[in-house]
Amino acid sequence: MPTITLRIPDDLLNEASKLARARHLPRSEYIRRAIERMNRDSAAELRRQRMMRASRKVRESSMEINAEFDAIEYGES
């Protein structure tokens, strides 16, 4: 497993250390889990954004198709 050097403010490191101890985890495991969670959250947000863009692209077409179905169903032209 690769090793990285990370520069973070003292207060953030102190808080991470305190919370890692409270969870009975090594600090490196705590930070690794935090990165994993951020990766999952970021991937989910990117998927949500892609779905929203795709939805906006088809919204207008869907409305036109719905109007055509309504016209057929209710005998309008």
C-alpha atoms as a PDB file:
ATOM      1  CA  MET A   1       0.000   0.000   0.000  1.00  0.00           C
ATOM      2  CA  PRO A   2       1.461   3.378  -0.966  1.00  0.00           C
ATOM      3  CA  THR A   3       2.259   5.988   1.657  1.00  0.00           C
ATOM      4  CA  ILE A   4       1.333   9.650   1.223  1.00  0.00           C
ATOM      5  CA  THR A   5       2.376  12.818   2.972  1.00  0.00           C
ATOM      6  CA  LEU A   6      -0.516  15.071   3.839  1.00  0.00           C
ATOM      7  CA  ARG A   7      -0.429  18.627   5.111  1.00  0.00           C
ATOM      8  CA  ILE A   8      -3.501  19.592   7.111  1.00  0.00           C
ATOM      9  CA  PRO A   9      -4.167  22.252   9.743  1.00  0.00           C
ATOM     10  CA  ASP A  10      -3.303  21.281  13.322  1.00  0.00           C
ATOM     11  CA  ASP A  11      -6.899  21.628  14.498  1.00  0.00           C
ATOM     12  CA  LEU A  12      -8.155  19.232  11.812  1.00  0.00           C
ATOM     13  CA  LEU A  13      -5.472  16.679  12.665  1.00  0.00           C
ATOM     14  CA  ASN A  14      -6.198  16.994  16.387  1.00  0.00           C
ATOM     15  CA  GLU A  15      -9.913  16.481  15.812  1.00  0.00           C
ATOM     16  CA  ALA A  16      -9.276  13.453  13.578  1.00  0.00           C
ATOM     17  CA  SER A  17      -6.944  11.986  16.205  1.00  0.00           C
ATOM     18  CA  LYS A  18      -9.477  12.531  18.983  1.00  0.00           C
ATOM     19  CA  LEU A  19     -12.315  10.976  16.991  1.00  0.00           C
ATOM     20  CA  ALA A  20     -10.133   8.045  15.878  1.00  0.00           C
ATOM     21  CA  ARG A  21      -9.297   7.293  19.523  1.00  0.00           C
ATOM     22  CA  ALA A  22     -12.986   7.499  20.450  1.00  0.00           C
ATOM     23  CA  ARG A  23     -13.720   4.887  17.775  1.00  0.00           C
ATOM     24  CA  HIS A  24     -10.734   2.765  18.820  1.00  0.00           C
ATOM     25  CA  LEU A  25      -9.161   3.131  15.390  1.00  0.00           C
ATOM     26  CA  PRO A  26      -5.662   4.033  14.320  1.00  0.00           C
ATOM     27  CA  ARG A  27      -5.627   7.562  12.962  1.00  0.00           C
ATOM     28  CA  SER A  28      -4.554   6.324   9.527  1.00  0.00           C
ATOM     29  CA  GLU A  29      -7.574   3.975   9.379  1.00  0.00           C
ATOM     30  CA  TYR A  30      -9.875   6.811  10.424  1.00  0.00           C
ATOM     31  CA  ILE A  31      -8.490   9.061   7.671  1.00  0.00           C
ATOM     32  CA  ARG A  32      -8.637   6.212   5.115  1.00  0.00           C
ATOM     33  CA  ARG A  33     -12.321   5.662   5.946  1.00  0.00           C
ATOM     34  CA  ALA A  34     -12.990   9.384   5.660  1.00  0.00           C
ATOM     35  CA  ILE A  35     -11.454   9.393   2.168  1.00  0.00           C
ATOM     36  CA  GLU A  36     -13.464   6.301   1.185  1.00  0.00           C
ATOM     37  CA  ARG A  37     -16.668   7.980   2.351  1.00  0.00           C
ATOM     38  CA  MET A  38     -15.843  11.171   0.465  1.00  0.00           C
ATOM     39  CA  ASN A  39     -15.148   9.101  -2.662  1.00  0.00           C
ATOM     40  CA  ARG A  40     -18.527   7.331  -2.352  1.00  0.00           C
ATOM     41  CA  ASP A  41     -20.351  10.618  -1.725  1.00  0.00           C
ATOM     42  CA  SER A  42     -18.591  12.321  -4.638  1.00  0.00           C
ATOM     43  CA  ALA A  43     -19.334   9.437  -7.023  1.00  0.00           C
ATOM     44  CA  ALA A  44     -23.004   9.477  -5.969  1.00  0.00           C
ATOM     45  CA  GLU A  45     -23.223  13.241  -6.484  1.00  0.00           C
ATOM     46  CA  LEU A  46     -21.632  12.973  -9.928  1.00  0.00           C
ATOM     47  CA  ARG A  47     -24.134  10.224 -10.866  1.00  0.00           C
ATOM     48  CA  ARG A  48     -26.988  12.431  -9.627  1.00  0.00           C
ATOM     49  CA  GLN A  49     -25.742  15.346 -11.719  1.00  0.00           C
ATOM     50  CA  ARG A  50     -25.452  13.131 -14.838  1.00  0.00           C
ATOM     51  CA  MET A  51     -29.001  11.846 -14.299  1.00  0.00           C
ATOM     52  CA  MET A  52     -30.310  15.391 -13.893  1.00  0.00           C
ATOM     53  CA  ARG A  53     -28.612  16.481 -17.128  1.00  0.00           C
ATOM     54  CA  ALA A  54     -30.022  13.465 -18.976  1.00  0.00           C
ATOM     55  CA  SER A  55     -33.468  14.124 -17.526  1.00  0.00           C
ATOM     56  CA  ARG A  56     -33.390  17.746 -18.686  1.00  0.00           C
ATOM     57  CA  LYS A  57     -32.390  16.613 -22.191  1.00  0.00           C
ATOM     58  CA  VAL A  58     -35.381  14.285 -22.546  1.00  0.00           C
ATOM     59  CA  ARG A  59     -37.923  16.381 -20.640  1.00  0.00           C
ATOM     60  CA  GLU A  60     -38.985  18.452 -23.657  1.00  0.00           C
ATOM     61  CA  SER A  61     -39.298  15.384 -25.884  1.00  0.00           C
ATOM     62  CA  SER A  62     -41.311  13.592 -23.210  1.00  0.00           C
ATOM     63  CA  MET A  63     -43.735  16.495 -22.964  1.00  0.00           C
ATOM     64  CA  GLU A  64     -44.228  16.486 -26.745  1.00  0.00           C
ATOM     65  CA  ILE A  65     -44.845  12.726 -26.750  1.00  0.00           C
ATOM     66  CA  ASN A  66     -47.308  13.032 -23.859  1.00  0.00           C
ATOM     67  CA  ALA A  67     -49.179  15.748 -25.770  1.00  0.00           C
ATOM     68  CA  GLU A  68     -49.344  13.470 -28.831  1.00  0.00           C
ATOM     69  CA  PHE A  69     -50.728  10.607 -26.718  1.00  0.00           C
ATOM     70  CA  ASP A  70     -53.293  12.943 -25.168  1.00  0.00           C
ATOM     71  CA  ALA A  71     -54.385  14.053 -28.623  1.00  0.00           C
ATOM     72  CA  ILE A  72     -54.794  10.437 -29.736  1.00  0.00           C
ATOM     73  CA  GLU A  73     -56.558   9.380 -26.538  1.00  0.00           C
ATOM     74  CA  TYR A  74     -58.992  12.289 -26.470  1.00  0.00           C
ATOM     75  CA  GLY A  75     -59.485  12.492 -30.247  1.00  0.00           C
ATOM     76  CA  GLU A  76     -57.900  15.888 -30.662  1.00  0.00           C
ATOM     77  CA  SER A  77     -55.726  16.777 -33.632  1.00  0.00           C
END
